[in-house]
Amino acid sequence: MTYATNMKKYLLLLLFLVLGSFQPGEANPPKFSKDLKTLTNWFAGHYHNQTQARRDSTAQKVFAYVVPIWENLVTDALWFYEEITDDKQQVISQRIYRFADVNAVQWEAVIYELPEIHRYAGEWQKPVPFEEIDPEVDLVGLSECTIIFNKKGDTKYAGASIRKECRYGKLNAYYVTTSIEIYEEKLVRADRGFEHDHTQMWGPTAEEKGYELKKIDMKEVAARAKAKADAEASKAKAKEKALAKKEAARAKAEAKKTAKKK
């Protein structure tokens, strides 16, 4: 057998192995940096600012809900939905973020606009939020609303708007800036509105931090809810037992009264 024949068989075998390992329709899952995974894992959660509200009477009581969305989508980014409400669960703010690696030491969150997003208030409560939405088709990326994050030691990722052109959620302002500090157990979140001449119109002052949000331990919440439900069930059972006892006593008294008449 000649060298050429051997080489031909080898190349055919190699081609067969390559083609055999290829599965149409399958895509390799994207690779994200360790820091991007940490940043977004810390970001996700349910929050409140009750401690801040007790300390500062001017601070509005709020809740924030941050959940991952489109987790099964093969994409080069990680998507999150953020909803902020007041203490009566009236929506204050809704956002969809697309997180991605920028380089080895920076990460970005781009705000994406979903038309009529107000219709999706409370979407964070669903097992699969925005299931019917295709981010590649139904959303519009707002590059002017990009937030760049930098790592500060091992305990914080600090992010801020990089341009003064974001109009998302601007209310009566010309542009809006956002700053977000992400810790493992808390968020510090601030939006500020400015006029054309960069005079601040609304939002916390430069000296103020904004919302200081503490992450809620959902296991503790569930345990408290269960304890409350158990207590209420026990109370209802005791009340029912007391009523039954009272009814039995009344029936017995009626029976005695009837017997005496006879």
C-alpha atoms as a PDB file:
ATOM      1  CA  MET A   1       0.000   0.000   0.000  1.00  0.00           C
ATOM      2  CA  THR A   2       1.486   3.303  -1.106  1.00  0.00           C
ATOM      3  CA  TYR A   3       2.022   6.390   0.999  1.00  0.00           C
ATOM      4  CA  ALA A   4      -0.555   8.274  -1.112  1.00  0.00           C
ATOM      5  CA  THR A   5      -3.180   5.596  -0.448  1.00  0.00           C
ATOM      6  CA  ASN A   6      -2.506   5.659   3.294  1.00  0.00           C
ATOM      7  CA  MET A   7      -2.723   9.434   3.374  1.00  0.00           C
ATOM      8  CA  LYS A   8      -6.010   9.367   1.448  1.00  0.00           C
ATOM      9  CA  LYS A   9      -7.528   6.902   3.939  1.00  0.00           C
ATOM     10  CA  TYR A  10      -6.293   9.005   6.842  1.00  0.00           C
ATOM     11  CA  LEU A  11      -7.840  12.177   5.430  1.00  0.00           C
ATOM     12  CA  LEU A  12     -11.150  10.401   4.761  1.00  0.00           C
ATOM     13  CA  LEU A  13     -11.186   9.093   8.344  1.00  0.00           C
ATOM     14  CA  LEU A  14     -10.415  12.558   9.716  1.00  0.00           C
ATOM     15  CA  LEU A  15     -13.199  14.073   7.605  1.00  0.00           C
ATOM     16  CA  PHE A  16     -15.613  11.411   8.832  1.00  0.00           C
ATOM     17  CA  LEU A  17     -14.743  12.125  12.466  1.00  0.00           C
ATOM     18  CA  VAL A  18     -15.159  15.891  12.018  1.00  0.00           C
ATOM     19  CA  LEU A  19     -18.508  15.561  10.259  1.00  0.00           C
ATOM     20  CA  GLY A  20     -19.681  12.993  12.785  1.00  0.00           C
ATOM     21  CA  SER A  21     -18.989  15.331  15.694  1.00  0.00           C
ATOM     22  CA  PHE A  22     -21.015  18.157  14.132  1.00  0.00           C
ATOM     23  CA  GLN A  23     -24.647  18.312  15.206  1.00  0.00           C
ATOM     24  CA  PRO A  24     -26.766  20.671  13.091  1.00  0.00           C
ATOM     25  CA  GLY A  25     -28.868  23.074  15.085  1.00  0.00           C
ATOM     26  CA  GLU A  26     -26.642  22.898  18.157  1.00  0.00           C
ATOM     27  CA  ALA A  27     -24.563  25.841  19.279  1.00  0.00           C
ATOM     28  CA  ASN A  28     -21.795  25.967  21.810  1.00  0.00           C
ATOM     29  CA  PRO A  29     -22.934  27.813  24.936  1.00  0.00           C
ATOM     30  CA  PRO A  30     -21.240  31.206  25.262  1.00  0.00           C
ATOM     31  CA  LYS A  31     -18.434  31.621  27.747  1.00  0.00           C
ATOM     32  CA  PHE A  32     -18.685  34.402  30.297  1.00  0.00           C
ATOM     33  CA  SER A  33     -15.961  35.678  32.581  1.00  0.00           C
ATOM     34  CA  LYS A  34     -15.965  34.708  36.240  1.00  0.00           C
ATOM     35  CA  ASP A  35     -16.487  38.343  37.221  1.00  0.00           C
ATOM     36  CA  LEU A  36     -19.496  38.760  34.932  1.00  0.00           C
ATOM     37  CA  LYS A  37     -21.086  35.689  36.492  1.00  0.00           C
ATOM     38  CA  THR A  38     -20.334  36.982  39.995  1.00  0.00           C
ATOM     39  CA  LEU A  39     -21.613  40.475  39.212  1.00  0.00           C
ATOM     40  CA  THR A  40     -24.923  39.205  37.786  1.00  0.00           C
ATOM     41  CA  ASN A  41     -25.377  36.557  40.489  1.00  0.00           C
ATOM     42  CA  TRP A  42     -25.035  39.281  43.113  1.00  0.00           C
ATOM     43  CA  PHE A  43     -27.373  41.568  41.158  1.00  0.00           C
ATOM     44  CA  ALA A  44     -30.245  39.060  41.083  1.00  0.00           C
ATOM     45  CA  GLY A  45     -32.560  39.042  44.075  1.00  0.00           C
ATOM     46  CA  HIS A  46     -35.377  40.789  45.936  1.00  0.00           C
ATOM     47  CA  TYR A  47     -34.576  43.944  47.898  1.00  0.00           C
ATOM     48  CA  HIS A  48     -36.000  46.558  50.273  1.00  0.00           C
ATOM     49  CA  ASN A  49     -34.672  49.803  51.780  1.00  0.00           C
ATOM     50  CA  GLN A  50     -36.478  49.646  55.133  1.00  0.00           C
ATOM     51  CA  THR A  51     -33.269  50.315  57.083  1.00  0.00           C
ATOM     52  CA  GLN A  52     -32.606  53.447  55.029  1.00  0.00           C
ATOM     53  CA  ALA A  53     -36.240  54.602  55.410  1.00  0.00           C
ATOM     54  CA  ARG A  54     -36.063  54.208  59.200  1.00  0.00           C
ATOM     55  CA  ARG A  55     -32.836  56.208  59.321  1.00  0.00           C
ATOM     56  CA  ASP A  56     -33.942  58.909  56.864  1.00  0.00           C
ATOM     57  CA  SER A  57     -37.557  60.104  56.984  1.00  0.00           C
ATOM     58  CA  THR A  58     -37.189  61.666  53.508  1.00  0.00           C
ATOM     59  CA  ALA A  59     -36.277  58.345  51.877  1.00  0.00           C
ATOM     60  CA  GLN A  60     -39.120  56.707  49.988  1.00  0.00           C
ATOM     61  CA  LYS A  61     -39.821  53.105  50.976  1.00  0.00           C
ATOM     62  CA  VAL A  62     -39.254  50.889  47.965  1.00  0.00           C
ATOM     63  CA  PHE A  63     -38.860  47.277  46.914  1.00  0.00           C
ATOM     64  CA  ALA A  64     -36.713  46.078  44.018  1.00  0.00           C
ATOM     65  CA  TYR A  65     -37.038  42.783  42.182  1.00  0.00           C
ATOM     66  CA  VAL A  66     -34.220  41.628  39.883  1.00  0.00           C
ATOM     67  CA  VAL A  67     -34.592  38.339  38.003  1.00  0.00           C
ATOM     68  CA  PRO A  68     -32.702  36.647  35.157  1.00  0.00           C
ATOM     69  CA  ILE A  69     -34.643  36.299  31.911  1.00  0.00           C
ATOM     70  CA  TRP A  70     -34.193  34.250  28.731  1.00  0.00           C
ATOM     71  CA  GLU A  71     -31.781  31.935  30.525  1.00  0.00           C
ATOM     72  CA  ASN A  72     -32.100  29.227  27.836  1.00  0.00           C
ATOM     73  CA  LEU A  73     -31.392  31.628  25.000  1.00  0.00           C
ATOM     74  CA  VAL A  74     -28.056  31.024  23.276  1.00  0.00           C
ATOM     75  CA  THR A  75     -26.585  34.503  23.314  1.00  0.00           C
ATOM     76  CA  ASP A  76     -23.341  36.275  24.115  1.00  0.00           C
ATOM     77  CA  ALA A  77     -24.958  38.142  27.006  1.00  0.00           C
ATOM     78  CA  LEU A  78     -26.908  37.689  30.238  1.00  0.00           C
ATOM     79  CA  TRP A  79     -30.349  39.308  30.449  1.00  0.00           C
ATOM     80  CA  PHE A  80     -32.086  40.679  33.570  1.00  0.00           C
ATOM     81  CA  TYR A  81     -35.365  42.387  34.411  1.00  0.00           C
ATOM     82  CA  GLU A  82     -35.496  44.968  37.199  1.00  0.00           C
ATOM     83  CA  GLU A  83     -38.718  46.313  38.703  1.00  0.00           C
ATOM     84  CA  ILE A  84     -38.822  48.905  41.482  1.00  0.00           C
ATOM     85  CA  THR A  85     -42.075  49.570  43.367  1.00  0.00           C
ATOM     86  CA  ASP A  86     -43.201  51.640  46.319  1.00  0.00           C
ATOM     87  CA  ASP A  87     -44.393  50.033  49.546  1.00  0.00           C
ATOM     88  CA  LYS A  88     -47.890  49.694  48.034  1.00  0.00           C
ATOM     89  CA  GLN A  89     -46.448  47.773  45.077  1.00  0.00           C
ATOM     90  CA  GLN A  90     -47.059  50.635  42.644  1.00  0.00           C
ATOM     91  CA  VAL A  91     -44.407  50.500  39.915  1.00  0.00           C
ATOM     92  CA  ILE A  92     -41.771  53.236  39.966  1.00  0.00           C
ATOM     93  CA  SER A  93     -39.332  51.866  37.408  1.00  0.00           C
ATOM     94  CA  GLN A  94     -38.967  48.947  34.977  1.00  0.00           C
ATOM     95  CA  ARG A  95     -35.827  48.016  33.067  1.00  0.00           C
ATOM     96  CA  ILE A  96     -34.392  45.238  30.949  1.00  0.00           C
ATOM     97  CA  TYR A  97     -30.590  44.942  31.052  1.00  0.00           C
ATOM     98  CA  ARG A  98     -28.208  43.090  28.770  1.00  0.00           C
ATOM     99  CA  PHE A  99     -24.965  42.297  30.631  1.00  0.00           C
ATOM    100  CA  ALA A 100     -21.784  41.403  28.756  1.00  0.00           C
ATOM    101  CA  ASP A 101     -18.004  41.354  29.093  1.00  0.00           C
ATOM    102  CA  VAL A 102     -16.232  44.426  27.714  1.00  0.00           C
ATOM    103  CA  ASN A 103     -12.672  43.395  28.502  1.00  0.00           C
ATOM    104  CA  ALA A 104     -10.815  41.651  31.316  1.00  0.00           C
ATOM    105  CA  VAL A 105     -11.540  44.409  33.830  1.00  0.00           C
ATOM    106  CA  GLN A 106     -14.818  45.977  32.687  1.00  0.00           C
ATOM    107  CA  TRP A 107     -18.391  44.813  32.151  1.00  0.00           C
ATOM    108  CA  GLU A 108     -21.384  46.573  30.628  1.00  0.00           C
ATOM    109  CA  ALA A 109     -25.126  46.654  31.145  1.00  0.00           C
ATOM    110  CA  VAL A 110     -27.067  48.095  28.227  1.00  0.00           C
ATOM    111  CA  ILE A 111     -30.680  49.122  28.817  1.00  0.00           C
ATOM    112  CA  TYR A 112     -33.084  47.674  26.253  1.00  0.00           C
ATOM    113  CA  GLU A 113     -36.442  49.218  25.517  1.00  0.00           C
ATOM    114  CA  LEU A 114     -39.592  47.090  25.336  1.00  0.00           C
ATOM    115  CA  PRO A 115     -42.624  48.973  23.976  1.00  0.00           C
ATOM    116  CA  GLU A 116     -45.452  49.237  26.511  1.00  0.00           C
ATOM    117  CA  ILE A 117     -43.289  47.683  29.208  1.00  0.00           C
ATOM    118  CA  HIS A 118     -45.807  48.916  31.792  1.00  0.00           C
ATOM    119  CA  ARG A 119     -48.059  46.046  30.685  1.00  0.00           C
ATOM    120  CA  TYR A 120     -45.487  43.671  32.145  1.00  0.00           C
ATOM    121  CA  ALA A 121     -45.598  45.003  35.701  1.00  0.00           C
ATOM    122  CA  GLY A 122     -45.161  42.066  38.094  1.00  0.00           C
ATOM    123  CA  GLU A 123     -43.523  39.922  35.404  1.00  0.00           C
ATOM    124  CA  TRP A 124     -40.752  39.029  37.867  1.00  0.00           C
ATOM    125  CA  GLN A 125     -43.222  36.791  39.706  1.00  0.00           C
ATOM    126  CA  LYS A 126     -43.623  34.404  36.764  1.00  0.00           C
ATOM    127  CA  PRO A 127     -41.588  31.156  36.593  1.00  0.00           C
ATOM    128  CA  VAL A 128     -40.445  32.148  33.073  1.00  0.00           C
ATOM    129  CA  PRO A 129     -40.682  35.952  32.697  1.00  0.00           C
ATOM    130  CA  PHE A 130     -41.171  37.420  29.207  1.00  0.00           C
ATOM    131  CA  GLU A 131     -41.551  33.942  27.739  1.00  0.00           C
ATOM    132  CA  GLU A 132     -43.369  35.270  24.667  1.00  0.00           C
ATOM    133  CA  ILE A 133     -40.783  37.997  23.978  1.00  0.00           C
ATOM    134  CA  ASP A 134     -37.858  37.553  21.572  1.00  0.00           C
ATOM    135  CA  PRO A 135     -35.118  40.015  22.626  1.00  0.00           C
ATOM    136  CA  GLU A 136     -33.563  39.940  19.170  1.00  0.00           C
ATOM    137  CA  VAL A 137     -36.849  41.055  17.568  1.00  0.00           C
ATOM    138  CA  ASP A 138     -39.000  42.825  20.148  1.00  0.00           C
ATOM    139  CA  LEU A 139     -36.425  44.973  21.954  1.00  0.00           C
ATOM    140  CA  VAL A 140     -34.407  48.028  20.990  1.00  0.00           C
ATOM    141  CA  GLY A 141     -30.930  48.426  22.462  1.00  0.00           C
ATOM    142  CA  LEU A 142     -30.150  51.880  23.850  1.00  0.00           C
ATOM    143  CA  SER A 143     -26.378  52.180  23.526  1.00  0.00           C
ATOM    144  CA  GLU A 144     -26.586  55.718  24.894  1.00  0.00           C
ATOM    145  CA  CYS A 145     -27.853  54.155  28.139  1.00  0.00           C
ATOM    146  CA  THR A 146     -24.854  51.858  28.601  1.00  0.00           C
ATOM    147  CA  ILE A 147     -23.630  51.405  32.185  1.00  0.00           C
ATOM    148  CA  ILE A 148     -19.980  50.415  32.592  1.00  0.00           C
ATOM    149  CA  PHE A 149     -18.952  48.435  35.688  1.00  0.00           C
ATOM    150  CA  ASN A 150     -15.553  48.298  37.337  1.00  0.00           C
ATOM    151  CA  LYS A 151     -14.499  46.000  40.166  1.00  0.00           C
ATOM    152  CA  LYS A 152     -13.705  47.664  43.483  1.00  0.00           C
ATOM    153  CA  GLY A 153     -11.772  45.192  45.598  1.00  0.00           C
ATOM    154  CA  ASP A 154     -13.450  41.840  46.185  1.00  0.00           C
ATOM    155  CA  THR A 155     -16.738  43.149  47.559  1.00  0.00           C
ATOM    156  CA  LYS A 156     -18.169  45.605  45.045  1.00  0.00           C
ATOM    157  CA  TYR A 157     -18.851  46.275  41.362  1.00  0.00           C
ATOM    158  CA  ALA A 158     -19.485  49.960  40.686  1.00  0.00           C
ATOM    159  CA  GLY A 159     -21.286  51.016  37.523  1.00  0.00           C
ATOM    160  CA  ALA A 160     -22.243  54.356  36.000  1.00  0.00           C
ATOM    161  CA  SER A 161     -23.606  55.813  32.771  1.00  0.00           C
ATOM    162  CA  ILE A 162     -20.828  56.759  30.376  1.00  0.00           C
ATOM    163  CA  ARG A 163     -22.782  59.207  28.209  1.00  0.00           C
ATOM    164  CA  LYS A 164     -25.089  62.142  28.882  1.00  0.00           C
ATOM    165  CA  GLU A 165     -27.598  61.214  26.205  1.00  0.00           C
ATOM    166  CA  CYS A 166     -29.838  58.585  27.808  1.00  0.00           C
ATOM    167  CA  ARG A 167     -33.530  59.514  27.551  1.00  0.00           C
ATOM    168  CA  TYR A 168     -34.951  56.299  29.034  1.00  0.00           C
ATOM    169  CA  GLY A 169     -37.284  57.104  31.950  1.00  0.00           C
ATOM    170  CA  LYS A 170     -36.330  60.775  31.731  1.00  0.00           C
ATOM    171  CA  LEU A 171     -39.699  62.202  32.884  1.00  0.00           C
ATOM    172  CA  ASN A 172     -39.307  65.977  32.325  1.00  0.00           C
ATOM    173  CA  ALA A 173     -35.502  65.924  32.149  1.00  0.00           C
ATOM    174  CA  TYR A 174     -33.325  66.266  29.056  1.00  0.00           C
ATOM    175  CA  TYR A 175     -31.187  63.246  29.924  1.00  0.00           C
ATOM    176  CA  VAL A 176     -30.798  60.713  32.730  1.00  0.00           C
ATOM    177  CA  THR A 177     -27.762  59.184  34.421  1.00  0.00           C
ATOM    178  CA  THR A 178     -27.657  55.967  36.403  1.00  0.00           C
ATOM    179  CA  SER A 179     -25.240  54.683  39.021  1.00  0.00           C
ATOM    180  CA  ILE A 180     -25.385  51.189  40.507  1.00  0.00           C
ATOM    181  CA  GLU A 181     -23.183  49.657  43.174  1.00  0.00           C
ATOM    182  CA  ILE A 182     -23.585  45.889  43.393  1.00  0.00           C
ATOM    183  CA  TYR A 183     -22.580  43.989  46.518  1.00  0.00           C
ATOM    184  CA  GLU A 184     -23.306  40.380  47.403  1.00  0.00           C
ATOM    185  CA  GLU A 185     -26.122  41.320  49.787  1.00  0.00           C
ATOM    186  CA  LYS A 186     -27.139  44.843  48.739  1.00  0.00           C
ATOM    187  CA  LEU A 187     -27.553  47.384  45.940  1.00  0.00           C
ATOM    188  CA  VAL A 188     -27.060  51.127  45.920  1.00  0.00           C
ATOM    189  CA  ARG A 189     -29.048  52.526  43.007  1.00  0.00           C
ATOM    190  CA  ALA A 190     -29.543  56.116  41.809  1.00  0.00           C
ATOM    191  CA  ASP A 191     -31.113  57.774  38.767  1.00  0.00           C
ATOM    192  CA  ARG A 192     -30.707  61.517  38.201  1.00  0.00           C
ATOM    193  CA  GLY A 193     -32.395  63.793  35.672  1.00  0.00           C
ATOM    194  CA  PHE A 194     -30.648  66.831  34.128  1.00  0.00           C
ATOM    195  CA  GLU A 195     -31.491  69.817  31.947  1.00  0.00           C
ATOM    196  CA  HIS A 196     -29.676  70.777  28.715  1.00  0.00           C
ATOM    197  CA  ASP A 197     -27.174  72.834  30.682  1.00  0.00           C
ATOM    198  CA  HIS A 198     -26.490  69.873  33.025  1.00  0.00           C
ATOM    199  CA  THR A 199     -28.398  71.399  35.936  1.00  0.00           C
ATOM    200  CA  GLN A 200     -29.856  68.575  37.999  1.00  0.00           C
ATOM    201  CA  MET A 201     -33.665  68.493  38.026  1.00  0.00           C
ATOM    202  CA  TRP A 202     -34.481  65.443  40.120  1.00  0.00           C
ATOM    203  CA  GLY A 203     -32.957  62.475  41.899  1.00  0.00           C
ATOM    204  CA  PRO A 204     -30.529  62.304  44.830  1.00  0.00           C
ATOM    205  CA  THR A 205     -27.864  64.971  45.049  1.00  0.00           C
ATOM    206  CA  ALA A 206     -24.243  64.183  44.294  1.00  0.00           C
ATOM    207  CA  GLU A 207     -23.646  63.745  48.037  1.00  0.00           C
ATOM    208  CA  GLU A 208     -26.551  61.303  48.388  1.00  0.00           C
ATOM    209  CA  LYS A 209     -26.360  57.655  47.398  1.00  0.00           C
ATOM    210  CA  GLY A 210     -29.899  56.993  46.209  1.00  0.00           C
ATOM    211  CA  TYR A 211     -31.764  53.827  47.128  1.00  0.00           C
ATOM    212  CA  GLU A 212     -29.841  51.688  49.631  1.00  0.00           C
ATOM    213  CA  LEU A 213     -31.368  48.287  49.040  1.00  0.00           C
ATOM    214  CA  LYS A 214     -30.787  45.267  51.233  1.00  0.00           C
ATOM    215  CA  LYS A 215     -31.246  41.807  49.761  1.00  0.00           C
ATOM    216  CA  ILE A 216     -34.193  39.896  51.202  1.00  0.00           C
ATOM    217  CA  ASP A 217     -33.591  36.342  52.406  1.00  0.00           C
ATOM    218  CA  MET A 218     -36.415  34.574  50.565  1.00  0.00           C
ATOM    219  CA  LYS A 219     -36.054  31.416  52.666  1.00  0.00           C
ATOM    220  CA  GLU A 220     -36.625  33.519  55.767  1.00  0.00           C
ATOM    221  CA  VAL A 221     -39.628  35.184  54.101  1.00  0.00           C
ATOM    222  CA  ALA A 222     -41.071  31.783  53.200  1.00  0.00           C
ATOM    223  CA  ALA A 223     -40.496  30.527  56.748  1.00  0.00           C
ATOM    224  CA  ARG A 224     -42.243  33.585  58.200  1.00  0.00           C
ATOM    225  CA  ALA A 225     -45.154  33.186  55.789  1.00  0.00           C
ATOM    226  CA  LYS A 226     -45.501  29.522  56.734  1.00  0.00           C
ATOM    227  CA  ALA A 227     -45.337  30.328  60.457  1.00  0.00           C
ATOM    228  CA  LYS A 228     -48.011  32.999  59.991  1.00  0.00           C
ATOM    229  CA  ALA A 229     -50.230  30.624  58.000  1.00  0.00           C
ATOM    230  CA  ASP A 230     -49.770  27.881  60.607  1.00  0.00           C
ATOM    231  CA  ALA A 231     -50.632  30.316  63.428  1.00  0.00           C
ATOM    232  CA  GLU A 232     -53.742  31.501  61.602  1.00  0.00           C
ATOM    233  CA  ALA A 233     -54.789  27.903  60.890  1.00  0.00           C
ATOM    234  CA  SER A 234     -54.267  26.977  64.540  1.00  0.00           C
ATOM    235  CA  LYS A 235     -56.267  30.017  65.656  1.00  0.00           C
ATOM    236  CA  ALA A 236     -59.100  29.161  63.262  1.00  0.00           C
ATOM    237  CA  LYS A 237     -59.114  25.547  64.456  1.00  0.00           C
ATOM    238  CA  ALA A 238     -59.269  26.671  68.112  1.00  0.00           C
ATOM    239  CA  LYS A 239     -62.109  29.059  67.292  1.00  0.00           C
ATOM    240  CA  GLU A 240     -63.973  26.319  65.460  1.00  0.00           C
ATOM    241  CA  LYS A 241     -63.470  23.957  68.401  1.00  0.00           C
ATOM    242  CA  ALA A 242     -64.747  26.602  70.861  1.00  0.00           C
ATOM    243  CA  LEU A 243     -67.819  27.239  68.718  1.00  0.00           C
ATOM    244  CA  ALA A 244     -68.505  23.521  68.467  1.00  0.00           C
ATOM    245  CA  LYS A 245     -68.191  23.202  72.240  1.00  0.00           C
ATOM    246  CA  LYS A 246     -70.514  26.156  72.745  1.00  0.00           C
ATOM    247  CA  GLU A 247     -73.025  24.689  70.318  1.00  0.00           C
ATOM    248  CA  ALA A 248     -72.884  21.327  72.068  1.00  0.00           C
ATOM    249  CA  ALA A 249     -73.526  22.996  75.429  1.00  0.00           C
ATOM    250  CA  ARG A 250     -76.454  24.938  73.977  1.00  0.00           C
ATOM    251  CA  ALA A 251     -77.929  21.773  72.482  1.00  0.00           C
ATOM    252  CA  LYS A 252     -77.535  19.964  75.774  1.00  0.00           C
ATOM    253  CA  ALA A 253     -79.273  22.813  77.646  1.00  0.00           C
ATOM    254  CA  GLU A 254     -82.123  22.767  75.123  1.00  0.00           C
ATOM    255  CA  ALA A 255     -82.472  19.027  75.557  1.00  0.00           C
ATOM    256  CA  LYS A 256     -82.713  19.378  79.340  1.00  0.00           C
ATOM    257  CA  LYS A 257     -85.277  22.155  78.967  1.00  0.00           C
ATOM    258  CA  THR A 258     -87.403  20.005  76.680  1.00  0.00           C
ATOM    259  CA  ALA A 259     -87.155  17.038  79.064  1.00  0.00           C
ATOM    260  CA  LYS A 260     -88.434  19.130  81.997  1.00  0.00           C
ATOM    261  CA  LYS A 261     -91.468  20.282  80.010  1.00  0.00           C
ATOM    262  CA  LYS A 262     -92.404  16.682  79.380  1.00  0.00           C
END
